[in-house]
Amino acid sequence: MSVVPLNPIPLKDRTSMVFLQYGQLDVLDGAFVLIDKTGVRTHVPVGSVACIMLEPGTRVSHAAIRLAATVGTLLVWVGEAGVRLYASGQPGGARADKLLYQAKLALDDALRLKVVRKMYELRFGEPPPARRSVEQLRGIEGARVRQTYLQLAQRFGVKWHGRKYDPKDWEKGDVVNQCISAATSCLYGISEAAVLAAGYAPAIGFIHSGKPLSFVYDIADIIKFDTVVPEAFRIAARHPEQPDREVRLACRDIFRSRKITATLIPMIEEVLSAGEIEPPQPAPDMLPPAIPEAASLAEDGFRSR
């Protein structure tokens, strides 16, 4: 049975994400806490965070998962350095009417093409070539992406041998690929939180398909070259000792300064509206009661390390 968030803080008012490792997440004395091996408790402002990334070494109690679901905070289980997403919770779940709306757009070839063309336009700032199929647009997009990687490498003076990485072996990739993987992992996490918060299904994609996070990849790819990927190249050019940590902190600052969480949901609705069919409207009893804007938190950008 899914837990419906009770009076949650709107996504746009939340800290984007936090990363936790090496501890037990639990609810003690009504507080959401991370307890390390020495018994030290660190308070996590769960209701004011959009997404909590759980790295290896974390355990989660039933009470903690229930509280996260109640306040609408997404829990995502990731690999070492966040390079791979294994699983995620689902705060509130996709709404049936929105899921059917999304599925109708994805299953109708003509409607799907309209949505894909809108994604292309938002990503590249220009309309896509006329009379092209989804597969052809995917190929054009891939070529432009490869060219963008090359241009960024030249801009930041980074040696580039292509996008090569092994999710199962973090150390195998070169520094720039490690930085890109860490950056896109951050972006996918917050994008998944936005998709779920908007009431849609992460798996029903338009450009991507057949993966649990297909729609998340669709949405994140629209903005990744305007946000996190250039920062990954900039950090890689310095040859940092801890590339994943530096990239994550930089992504946190980007998400905060550019208010990414406040722009993702409107962008999702804009993309889907390109299908030109009537979107679902929430019934009055589905709207959450109004709550004050979230106060700024001293814990903004909190990390467990």
C-alpha atoms as a PDB file:
ATOM      1  CA  MET A   1       0.000   0.000   0.000  1.00  0.00           C
ATOM      2  CA  SER A   2       1.482   3.346  -1.000  1.00  0.00           C
ATOM      3  CA  VAL A   3       1.704   6.161   1.518  1.00  0.00           C
ATOM      4  CA  VAL A   4       0.181   9.458   0.463  1.00  0.00           C
ATOM      5  CA  PRO A   5       2.349  12.450   1.453  1.00  0.00           C
ATOM      6  CA  LEU A   6       0.621  14.527   4.125  1.00  0.00           C
ATOM      7  CA  ASN A   7       0.837  18.282   3.578  1.00  0.00           C
ATOM      8  CA  PRO A   8       4.328  18.066   1.994  1.00  0.00           C
ATOM      9  CA  ILE A   9       6.626  21.012   1.402  1.00  0.00           C
ATOM     10  CA  PRO A  10       6.481  21.830  -2.344  1.00  0.00           C
ATOM     11  CA  LEU A  11       9.434  20.480  -4.318  1.00  0.00           C
ATOM     12  CA  LYS A  12      10.457  23.965  -5.439  1.00  0.00           C
ATOM     13  CA  ASP A  13      11.018  24.999  -1.805  1.00  0.00           C
ATOM     14  CA  ARG A  14      13.235  22.055  -0.885  1.00  0.00           C
ATOM     15  CA  THR A  15      16.942  21.408  -0.750  1.00  0.00           C
ATOM     16  CA  SER A  16      17.692  19.348  -3.858  1.00  0.00           C
ATOM     17  CA  MET A  17      19.415  16.281  -2.394  1.00  0.00           C
ATOM     18  CA  VAL A  18      21.729  14.870   0.235  1.00  0.00           C
ATOM     19  CA  PHE A  19      24.110  11.895   0.079  1.00  0.00           C
ATOM     20  CA  LEU A  20      24.417   9.515   3.040  1.00  0.00           C
ATOM     21  CA  GLN A  21      26.806   6.636   3.706  1.00  0.00           C
ATOM     22  CA  TYR A  22      28.062   4.395   6.517  1.00  0.00           C
ATOM     23  CA  GLY A  23      25.207   4.580   8.963  1.00  0.00           C
ATOM     24  CA  GLN A  24      21.744   3.476   9.997  1.00  0.00           C
ATOM     25  CA  LEU A  25      18.802   5.684   9.016  1.00  0.00           C
ATOM     26  CA  ASP A  26      16.109   5.604  11.628  1.00  0.00           C
ATOM     27  CA  VAL A  27      13.439   7.667  13.354  1.00  0.00           C
ATOM     28  CA  LEU A  28      14.267   8.404  16.987  1.00  0.00           C
ATOM     29  CA  ASP A  29      12.248  10.726  19.210  1.00  0.00           C
ATOM     30  CA  GLY A  30      10.338  11.804  16.117  1.00  0.00           C
ATOM     31  CA  ALA A  31      13.508  12.863  14.267  1.00  0.00           C
ATOM     32  CA  PHE A  32      14.933  11.409  11.044  1.00  0.00           C
ATOM     33  CA  VAL A  33      18.553  10.606  11.934  1.00  0.00           C
ATOM     34  CA  LEU A  34      21.678   8.933  10.582  1.00  0.00           C
ATOM     35  CA  ILE A  35      23.458   6.913  13.289  1.00  0.00           C
ATOM     36  CA  ASP A  36      27.097   6.047  12.666  1.00  0.00           C
ATOM     37  CA  LYS A  37      28.983   3.065  14.085  1.00  0.00           C
ATOM     38  CA  THR A  38      29.953   5.013  17.204  1.00  0.00           C
ATOM     39  CA  GLY A  39      26.319   5.834  17.957  1.00  0.00           C
ATOM     40  CA  VAL A  40      26.571   9.517  16.996  1.00  0.00           C
ATOM     41  CA  ARG A  41      23.288  10.846  15.600  1.00  0.00           C
ATOM     42  CA  THR A  42      23.117  13.352  12.748  1.00  0.00           C
ATOM     43  CA  HIS A  43      19.739  14.945  12.088  1.00  0.00           C
ATOM     44  CA  VAL A  44      18.590  14.874   8.454  1.00  0.00           C
ATOM     45  CA  PRO A  45      15.835  17.400   7.532  1.00  0.00           C
ATOM     46  CA  VAL A  46      13.900  14.769   5.601  1.00  0.00           C
ATOM     47  CA  GLY A  47      10.785  16.819   4.928  1.00  0.00           C
ATOM     48  CA  SER A  48      12.826  19.653   3.428  1.00  0.00           C
ATOM     49  CA  VAL A  49      14.837  17.483   1.024  1.00  0.00           C
ATOM     50  CA  ALA A  50      13.661  16.370  -2.410  1.00  0.00           C
ATOM     51  CA  CYS A  51      15.901  13.320  -2.713  1.00  0.00           C
ATOM     52  CA  ILE A  52      18.153  11.310  -0.372  1.00  0.00           C
ATOM     53  CA  MET A  53      20.888   9.264  -2.075  1.00  0.00           C
ATOM     54  CA  LEU A  54      21.839   6.162  -0.084  1.00  0.00           C
ATOM     55  CA  GLU A  55      25.351   4.922  -0.805  1.00  0.00           C
ATOM     56  CA  PRO A  56      26.869   1.556   0.205  1.00  0.00           C
ATOM     57  CA  GLY A  57      27.161   1.177   3.946  1.00  0.00           C
ATOM     58  CA  THR A  58      23.705   2.520   4.736  1.00  0.00           C
ATOM     59  CA  ARG A  59      20.813   0.648   6.298  1.00  0.00           C
ATOM     60  CA  VAL A  60      17.270   1.948   6.564  1.00  0.00           C
ATOM     61  CA  SER A  61      14.608   1.094   9.112  1.00  0.00           C
ATOM     62  CA  HIS A  62      10.948   0.569   8.302  1.00  0.00           C
ATOM     63  CA  ALA A  63      10.114   3.722  10.296  1.00  0.00           C
ATOM     64  CA  ALA A  64      12.545   5.810   8.258  1.00  0.00           C
ATOM     65  CA  ILE A  65      11.149   4.613   4.924  1.00  0.00           C
ATOM     66  CA  ARG A  66       7.616   5.246   6.110  1.00  0.00           C
ATOM     67  CA  LEU A  67       8.448   8.793   7.252  1.00  0.00           C
ATOM     68  CA  ALA A  68      10.227   9.593   3.978  1.00  0.00           C
ATOM     69  CA  ALA A  69       7.201   8.403   2.014  1.00  0.00           C
ATOM     70  CA  THR A  70       4.832  10.346   4.255  1.00  0.00           C
ATOM     71  CA  VAL A  71       6.629  13.656   3.666  1.00  0.00           C
ATOM     72  CA  GLY A  72       7.204  12.949  -0.042  1.00  0.00           C
ATOM     73  CA  THR A  73      10.995  12.566   0.000  1.00  0.00           C
ATOM     74  CA  LEU A  74      12.477  10.180  -2.554  1.00  0.00           C
ATOM     75  CA  LEU A  75      14.982   7.560  -1.351  1.00  0.00           C
ATOM     76  CA  VAL A  76      17.419   6.361  -4.018  1.00  0.00           C
ATOM     77  CA  TRP A  77      19.864   3.485  -3.519  1.00  0.00           C
ATOM     78  CA  VAL A  78      23.071   4.206  -5.442  1.00  0.00           C
ATOM     79  CA  GLY A  79      26.451   2.565  -5.898  1.00  0.00           C
ATOM     80  CA  GLU A  80      29.813   3.750  -4.644  1.00  0.00           C
ATOM     81  CA  ALA A  81      30.311   7.394  -5.619  1.00  0.00           C
ATOM     82  CA  GLY A  82      26.742   7.489  -6.876  1.00  0.00           C
ATOM     83  CA  VAL A  83      27.787   6.171 -10.269  1.00  0.00           C
ATOM     84  CA  ARG A  84      24.901   3.724 -10.518  1.00  0.00           C
ATOM     85  CA  LEU A  85      21.249   3.869  -9.459  1.00  0.00           C
ATOM     86  CA  TYR A  86      20.012   0.517  -8.162  1.00  0.00           C
ATOM     87  CA  ALA A  87      16.512   1.253  -6.895  1.00  0.00           C
ATOM     88  CA  SER A  88      14.288   3.986  -5.557  1.00  0.00           C
ATOM     89  CA  GLY A  89      11.243   4.559  -3.433  1.00  0.00           C
ATOM     90  CA  GLN A  90       8.128   6.222  -4.756  1.00  0.00           C
ATOM     91  CA  PRO A  91       6.661   9.036  -2.655  1.00  0.00           C
ATOM     92  CA  GLY A  92       2.926   8.891  -3.201  1.00  0.00           C
ATOM     93  CA  GLY A  93       3.138   7.008  -6.472  1.00  0.00           C
ATOM     94  CA  ALA A  94       2.126   8.010  -9.971  1.00  0.00           C
ATOM     95  CA  ARG A  95      -1.461   9.226 -10.289  1.00  0.00           C
ATOM     96  CA  ALA A  96      -3.603   6.904 -12.388  1.00  0.00           C
ATOM     97  CA  ASP A  97      -4.943   9.692 -14.613  1.00  0.00           C
ATOM     98  CA  LYS A  98      -1.468  11.102 -15.261  1.00  0.00           C
ATOM     99  CA  LEU A  99      -0.020   7.655 -15.886  1.00  0.00           C
ATOM    100  CA  LEU A 100      -2.712   6.956 -18.497  1.00  0.00           C
ATOM    101  CA  TYR A 101      -2.084  10.366 -20.068  1.00  0.00           C
ATOM    102  CA  GLN A 102       1.667   9.686 -20.238  1.00  0.00           C
ATOM    103  CA  ALA A 103       1.129   6.181 -21.621  1.00  0.00           C
ATOM    104  CA  LYS A 104      -1.252   7.431 -24.316  1.00  0.00           C
ATOM    105  CA  LEU A 105       1.370   9.916 -25.498  1.00  0.00           C
ATOM    106  CA  ALA A 106       4.106   7.278 -25.496  1.00  0.00           C
ATOM    107  CA  LEU A 107       2.111   4.538 -27.268  1.00  0.00           C
ATOM    108  CA  ASP A 108       0.717   6.658 -30.101  1.00  0.00           C
ATOM    109  CA  ASP A 109       3.459   7.102 -32.716  1.00  0.00           C
ATOM    110  CA  ALA A 110       2.245  10.524 -33.860  1.00  0.00           C
ATOM    111  CA  LEU A 111       1.882  11.869 -30.320  1.00  0.00           C
ATOM    112  CA  ARG A 112       5.205  10.420 -29.226  1.00  0.00           C
ATOM    113  CA  LEU A 113       6.932  12.146 -32.152  1.00  0.00           C
ATOM    114  CA  LYS A 114       5.464  15.499 -31.086  1.00  0.00           C
ATOM    115  CA  VAL A 115       6.817  15.047 -27.572  1.00  0.00           C
ATOM    116  CA  VAL A 116      10.251  13.984 -28.844  1.00  0.00           C
ATOM    117  CA  ARG A 117      10.401  16.997 -31.158  1.00  0.00           C
ATOM    118  CA  LYS A 118       9.661  19.280 -28.196  1.00  0.00           C
ATOM    119  CA  MET A 119      12.423  17.629 -26.174  1.00  0.00           C
ATOM    120  CA  TYR A 120      14.844  18.188 -29.055  1.00  0.00           C
ATOM    121  CA  GLU A 121      13.813  21.855 -29.331  1.00  0.00           C
ATOM    122  CA  LEU A 122      14.279  22.486 -25.613  1.00  0.00           C
ATOM    123  CA  ARG A 123      17.606  20.697 -25.561  1.00  0.00           C
ATOM    124  CA  PHE A 124      19.221  22.331 -28.572  1.00  0.00           C
ATOM    125  CA  GLY A 125      17.358  25.639 -28.699  1.00  0.00           C
ATOM    126  CA  GLU A 126      16.070  25.119 -32.228  1.00  0.00           C
ATOM    127  CA  PRO A 127      13.351  23.088 -33.954  1.00  0.00           C
ATOM    128  CA  PRO A 128      14.419  19.633 -35.143  1.00  0.00           C
ATOM    129  CA  PRO A 129      14.625  18.821 -38.855  1.00  0.00           C
ATOM    130  CA  ALA A 130      11.226  18.241 -40.443  1.00  0.00           C
ATOM    131  CA  ARG A 131       9.899  14.842 -41.497  1.00  0.00           C
ATOM    132  CA  ARG A 132      12.173  12.808 -39.236  1.00  0.00           C
ATOM    133  CA  SER A 133      11.162   9.760 -37.219  1.00  0.00           C
ATOM    134  CA  VAL A 134      11.922   9.242 -33.534  1.00  0.00           C
ATOM    135  CA  GLU A 135      14.753   6.898 -34.495  1.00  0.00           C
ATOM    136  CA  GLN A 136      16.227   9.444 -36.907  1.00  0.00           C
ATOM    137  CA  LEU A 137      16.015  12.213 -34.320  1.00  0.00           C
ATOM    138  CA  ARG A 138      17.689   9.930 -31.802  1.00  0.00           C
ATOM    139  CA  GLY A 139      20.555   9.431 -34.237  1.00  0.00           C
ATOM    140  CA  ILE A 140      20.888  13.173 -34.903  1.00  0.00           C
ATOM    141  CA  GLU A 141      20.834  13.831 -31.162  1.00  0.00           C
ATOM    142  CA  GLY A 142      23.557  11.246 -30.553  1.00  0.00           C
ATOM    143  CA  ALA A 143      25.833  12.853 -33.135  1.00  0.00           C
ATOM    144  CA  ARG A 144      25.305  16.294 -31.599  1.00  0.00           C
ATOM    145  CA  VAL A 145      25.988  14.951 -28.120  1.00  0.00           C
ATOM    146  CA  ARG A 146      29.295  13.403 -29.218  1.00  0.00           C
ATOM    147  CA  GLN A 147      30.268  16.711 -30.806  1.00  0.00           C
ATOM    148  CA  THR A 148      29.328  18.579 -27.626  1.00  0.00           C
ATOM    149  CA  TYR A 149      31.545  16.313 -25.528  1.00  0.00           C
ATOM    150  CA  LEU A 150      34.444  16.980 -27.892  1.00  0.00           C
ATOM    151  CA  GLN A 151      33.875  20.742 -27.783  1.00  0.00           C
ATOM    152  CA  LEU A 152      33.788  20.732 -23.976  1.00  0.00           C
ATOM    153  CA  ALA A 153      37.020  18.728 -23.853  1.00  0.00           C
ATOM    154  CA  GLN A 154      38.707  21.274 -26.110  1.00  0.00           C
ATOM    155  CA  ARG A 155      37.281  24.184 -24.135  1.00  0.00           C
ATOM    156  CA  PHE A 156      38.621  22.924 -20.804  1.00  0.00           C
ATOM    157  CA  GLY A 157      41.816  21.338 -22.129  1.00  0.00           C
ATOM    158  CA  VAL A 158      40.846  17.790 -21.200  1.00  0.00           C
ATOM    159  CA  LYS A 159      42.045  14.715 -23.082  1.00  0.00           C
ATOM    160  CA  TRP A 160      38.962  13.029 -24.530  1.00  0.00           C
ATOM    161  CA  HIS A 161      38.743   9.462 -25.755  1.00  0.00           C
ATOM    162  CA  GLY A 162      34.979   9.184 -25.759  1.00  0.00           C
ATOM    163  CA  ARG A 163      32.283   8.435 -23.204  1.00  0.00           C
ATOM    164  CA  LYS A 164      33.580   5.215 -21.683  1.00  0.00           C
ATOM    165  CA  TYR A 165      32.789   3.891 -18.235  1.00  0.00           C
ATOM    166  CA  ASP A 166      31.991   0.693 -16.361  1.00  0.00           C
ATOM    167  CA  PRO A 167      29.256   1.090 -13.710  1.00  0.00           C
ATOM    168  CA  LYS A 168      30.632  -1.957 -11.909  1.00  0.00           C
ATOM    169  CA  ASP A 169      34.205  -0.636 -11.753  1.00  0.00           C
ATOM    170  CA  TRP A 170      34.397   3.018 -10.733  1.00  0.00           C
ATOM    171  CA  GLU A 171      38.211   3.195 -10.868  1.00  0.00           C
ATOM    172  CA  LYS A 172      38.375   1.812 -14.391  1.00  0.00           C
ATOM    173  CA  GLY A 173      37.239   5.029 -16.062  1.00  0.00           C
ATOM    174  CA  ASP A 174      39.471   8.064 -16.554  1.00  0.00           C
ATOM    175  CA  VAL A 175      38.943  11.177 -14.430  1.00  0.00           C
ATOM    176  CA  VAL A 176      36.715  13.005 -16.888  1.00  0.00           C
ATOM    177  CA  ASN A 177      34.402  10.010 -17.268  1.00  0.00           C
ATOM    178  CA  GLN A 178      34.265   9.624 -13.484  1.00  0.00           C
ATOM    179  CA  CYS A 179      33.273  13.277 -13.189  1.00  0.00           C
ATOM    180  CA  ILE A 180      30.602  12.993 -15.885  1.00  0.00           C
ATOM    181  CA  SER A 181      29.166   9.848 -14.274  1.00  0.00           C
ATOM    182  CA  ALA A 182      28.993  11.496 -10.849  1.00  0.00           C
ATOM    183  CA  ALA A 183      27.373  14.621 -12.329  1.00  0.00           C
ATOM    184  CA  THR A 184      24.736  12.790 -14.340  1.00  0.00           C
ATOM    185  CA  SER A 185      23.960  10.540 -11.373  1.00  0.00           C
ATOM    186  CA  CYS A 186      23.153  13.646  -9.315  1.00  0.00           C
ATOM    187  CA  LEU A 187      20.994  15.031 -12.096  1.00  0.00           C
ATOM    188  CA  TYR A 188      19.162  11.733 -12.626  1.00  0.00           C
ATOM    189  CA  GLY A 189      18.394  11.541  -8.916  1.00  0.00           C
ATOM    190  CA  ILE A 190      16.784  14.970  -8.702  1.00  0.00           C
ATOM    191  CA  SER A 191      15.040  14.457 -12.067  1.00  0.00           C
ATOM    192  CA  GLU A 192      13.506  11.216 -10.824  1.00  0.00           C
ATOM    193  CA  ALA A 193      12.286  13.020  -7.721  1.00  0.00           C
ATOM    194  CA  ALA A 194      10.641  15.639  -9.962  1.00  0.00           C
ATOM    195  CA  VAL A 195       9.010  13.036 -12.219  1.00  0.00           C
ATOM    196  CA  LEU A 196       7.546  11.220  -9.229  1.00  0.00           C
ATOM    197  CA  ALA A 197       6.500  14.435  -7.515  1.00  0.00           C
ATOM    198  CA  ALA A 198       4.682  15.478 -10.697  1.00  0.00           C
ATOM    199  CA  GLY A 199       2.741  12.199 -10.617  1.00  0.00           C
ATOM    200  CA  TYR A 200       4.290  10.483 -13.644  1.00  0.00           C
ATOM    201  CA  ALA A 201       6.021   7.139 -14.193  1.00  0.00           C
ATOM    202  CA  PRO A 202       9.835   7.121 -14.548  1.00  0.00           C
ATOM    203  CA  ALA A 203       9.764   4.065 -16.836  1.00  0.00           C
ATOM    204  CA  ILE A 204       7.503   5.444 -19.605  1.00  0.00           C
ATOM    205  CA  GLY A 205       9.934   7.310 -21.815  1.00  0.00           C
ATOM    206  CA  PHE A 206       9.828   8.794 -25.298  1.00  0.00           C
ATOM    207  CA  ILE A 207      13.399   8.996 -26.584  1.00  0.00           C
ATOM    208  CA  HIS A 208      14.652   6.371 -24.156  1.00  0.00           C
ATOM    209  CA  SER A 209      12.614   3.205 -23.712  1.00  0.00           C
ATOM    210  CA  GLY A 210      12.761  -0.181 -22.048  1.00  0.00           C
ATOM    211  CA  LYS A 211      14.535   0.986 -18.877  1.00  0.00           C
ATOM    212  CA  PRO A 212      13.189   1.664 -15.377  1.00  0.00           C
ATOM    213  CA  LEU A 213      14.249   5.325 -15.637  1.00  0.00           C
ATOM    214  CA  SER A 214      13.597   6.017 -19.324  1.00  0.00           C
ATOM    215  CA  PHE A 215      11.521   9.165 -18.741  1.00  0.00           C
ATOM    216  CA  VAL A 216      14.019  10.388 -16.134  1.00  0.00           C
ATOM    217  CA  TYR A 217      16.792  10.159 -18.733  1.00  0.00           C
ATOM    218  CA  ASP A 218      14.592  11.995 -21.251  1.00  0.00           C
ATOM    219  CA  ILE A 219      14.030  14.907 -18.877  1.00  0.00           C
ATOM    220  CA  ALA A 220      17.540  15.093 -17.432  1.00  0.00           C
ATOM    221  CA  ASP A 221      19.156  15.010 -20.873  1.00  0.00           C
ATOM    222  CA  ILE A 222      17.334  18.202 -21.853  1.00  0.00           C
ATOM    223  CA  ILE A 223      19.347  20.243 -19.356  1.00  0.00           C
ATOM    224  CA  LYS A 224      22.482  18.257 -18.581  1.00  0.00           C
ATOM    225  CA  PHE A 225      24.725  20.075 -21.070  1.00  0.00           C
ATOM    226  CA  ASP A 226      23.529  23.411 -19.735  1.00  0.00           C
ATOM    227  CA  THR A 227      24.116  22.475 -16.111  1.00  0.00           C
ATOM    228  CA  VAL A 228      26.211  19.601 -14.790  1.00  0.00           C
ATOM    229  CA  VAL A 229      28.296  18.266 -17.690  1.00  0.00           C
ATOM    230  CA  PRO A 230      30.325  21.463 -18.301  1.00  0.00           C
ATOM    231  CA  GLU A 231      31.023  21.562 -14.572  1.00  0.00           C
ATOM    232  CA  ALA A 232      32.231  17.953 -14.721  1.00  0.00           C
ATOM    233  CA  PHE A 233      34.747  18.889 -17.434  1.00  0.00           C
ATOM    234  CA  ARG A 234      35.873  21.968 -15.498  1.00  0.00           C
ATOM    235  CA  ILE A 235      36.571  19.866 -12.408  1.00  0.00           C
ATOM    236  CA  ALA A 236      38.240  17.082 -14.411  1.00  0.00           C
ATOM    237  CA  ALA A 237      40.674  19.633 -15.862  1.00  0.00           C
ATOM    238  CA  ARG A 238      42.057  20.169 -12.329  1.00  0.00           C
ATOM    239  CA  HIS A 239      42.730  16.422 -11.789  1.00  0.00           C
ATOM    240  CA  PRO A 240      41.146  16.399  -8.300  1.00  0.00           C
ATOM    241  CA  GLU A 241      41.974  13.725  -5.738  1.00  0.00           C
ATOM    242  CA  GLN A 242      38.255  13.148  -5.009  1.00  0.00           C
ATOM    243  CA  PRO A 243      36.473  13.854  -8.297  1.00  0.00           C
ATOM    244  CA  ASP A 244      33.118  12.437  -7.196  1.00  0.00           C
ATOM    245  CA  ARG A 245      32.988  14.596  -4.067  1.00  0.00           C
ATOM    246  CA  GLU A 246      33.950  17.788  -5.873  1.00  0.00           C
ATOM    247  CA  VAL A 247      31.406  17.122  -8.608  1.00  0.00           C
ATOM    248  CA  ARG A 248      28.629  16.462  -6.119  1.00  0.00           C
ATOM    249  CA  LEU A 249      29.288  19.658  -4.199  1.00  0.00           C
ATOM    250  CA  ALA A 250      29.362  21.587  -7.464  1.00  0.00           C
ATOM    251  CA  CYS A 251      26.077  19.986  -8.561  1.00  0.00           C
ATOM    252  CA  ARG A 252      24.510  20.909  -5.234  1.00  0.00           C
ATOM    253  CA  ASP A 253      25.484  24.533  -5.785  1.00  0.00           C
ATOM    254  CA  ILE A 254      24.185  24.480  -9.368  1.00  0.00           C
ATOM    255  CA  PHE A 255      20.857  22.988  -8.323  1.00  0.00           C
ATOM    256  CA  ARG A 256      20.485  25.615  -5.615  1.00  0.00           C
ATOM    257  CA  SER A 257      21.605  28.694  -7.573  1.00  0.00           C
ATOM    258  CA  ARG A 258      19.663  27.813 -10.712  1.00  0.00           C
ATOM    259  CA  LYS A 259      16.617  26.560  -8.801  1.00  0.00           C
ATOM    260  CA  ILE A 260      16.573  23.316 -10.765  1.00  0.00           C
ATOM    261  CA  THR A 261      13.901  21.732  -8.598  1.00  0.00           C
ATOM    262  CA  ALA A 262      11.580  24.661  -9.309  1.00  0.00           C
ATOM    263  CA  THR A 263      12.005  24.355 -13.084  1.00  0.00           C
ATOM    264  CA  LEU A 264      11.862  20.594 -13.645  1.00  0.00           C
ATOM    265  CA  ILE A 265       8.140  20.024 -13.063  1.00  0.00           C
ATOM    266  CA  PRO A 266       6.989  22.888 -15.349  1.00  0.00           C
ATOM    267  CA  MET A 267       9.400  21.552 -17.970  1.00  0.00           C
ATOM    268  CA  ILE A 268       7.906  18.063 -17.650  1.00  0.00           C
ATOM    269  CA  GLU A 269       4.411  19.480 -18.173  1.00  0.00           C
ATOM    270  CA  GLU A 270       5.606  21.577 -21.138  1.00  0.00           C
ATOM    271  CA  VAL A 271       7.177  18.559 -22.811  1.00  0.00           C
ATOM    272  CA  LEU A 272       4.077  16.405 -22.432  1.00  0.00           C
ATOM    273  CA  SER A 273       1.729  19.206 -23.514  1.00  0.00           C
ATOM    274  CA  ALA A 274       3.419  19.111 -26.931  1.00  0.00           C
ATOM    275  CA  GLY A 275       1.291  16.030 -27.586  1.00  0.00           C
ATOM    276  CA  GLU A 276      -1.662  18.419 -27.864  1.00  0.00           C
ATOM    277  CA  ILE A 277      -4.141  16.305 -25.948  1.00  0.00           C
ATOM    278  CA  GLU A 278      -5.976  17.437 -22.851  1.00  0.00           C
ATOM    279  CA  PRO A 279      -3.863  16.823 -19.719  1.00  0.00           C
ATOM    280  CA  PRO A 280      -5.537  15.503 -16.571  1.00  0.00           C
ATOM    281  CA  GLN A 281      -6.791  18.026 -14.056  1.00  0.00           C
ATOM    282  CA  PRO A 282      -6.569  17.320 -10.297  1.00  0.00           C
ATOM    283  CA  ALA A 283      -9.830  16.886  -8.467  1.00  0.00           C
ATOM    284  CA  PRO A 284     -10.343  19.352  -5.588  1.00  0.00           C
ATOM    285  CA  ASP A 285      -9.854  16.626  -2.993  1.00  0.00           C
ATOM    286  CA  MET A 286      -6.464  15.723  -4.514  1.00  0.00           C
ATOM    287  CA  LEU A 287      -4.944  19.134  -3.870  1.00  0.00           C
ATOM    288  CA  PRO A 288      -2.855  19.362  -0.700  1.00  0.00           C
ATOM    289  CA  PRO A 289      -3.696  22.075   1.814  1.00  0.00           C
ATOM    290  CA  ALA A 290      -1.703  25.272   1.543  1.00  0.00           C
ATOM    291  CA  ILE A 291       1.353  25.503   3.772  1.00  0.00           C
ATOM    292  CA  PRO A 292       3.855  28.275   4.449  1.00  0.00           C
ATOM    293  CA  GLU A 293       6.955  28.477   2.287  1.00  0.00           C
ATOM    294  CA  ALA A 294       9.843  26.430   3.613  1.00  0.00           C
ATOM    295  CA  ALA A 295      12.290  28.316   5.755  1.00  0.00           C
ATOM    296  CA  SER A 296      15.907  28.352   4.659  1.00  0.00           C
ATOM    297  CA  LEU A 297      17.792  25.562   6.397  1.00  0.00           C
ATOM    298  CA  ALA A 298      21.166  25.566   8.022  1.00  0.00           C
ATOM    299  CA  GLU A 299      21.434  21.969   6.817  1.00  0.00           C
ATOM    300  CA  ASP A 300      21.211  23.012   3.138  1.00  0.00           C
ATOM    301  CA  GLY A 301      23.604  20.847   1.164  1.00  0.00           C
ATOM    302  CA  PHE A 302      24.177  18.509   4.125  1.00  0.00           C
ATOM    303  CA  ARG A 303      26.462  15.554   3.437  1.00  0.00           C
ATOM    304  CA  SER A 304      27.385  12.630   5.632  1.00  0.00           C
ATOM    305  CA  ARG A 305      31.064  13.086   4.914  1.00  0.00           C
END
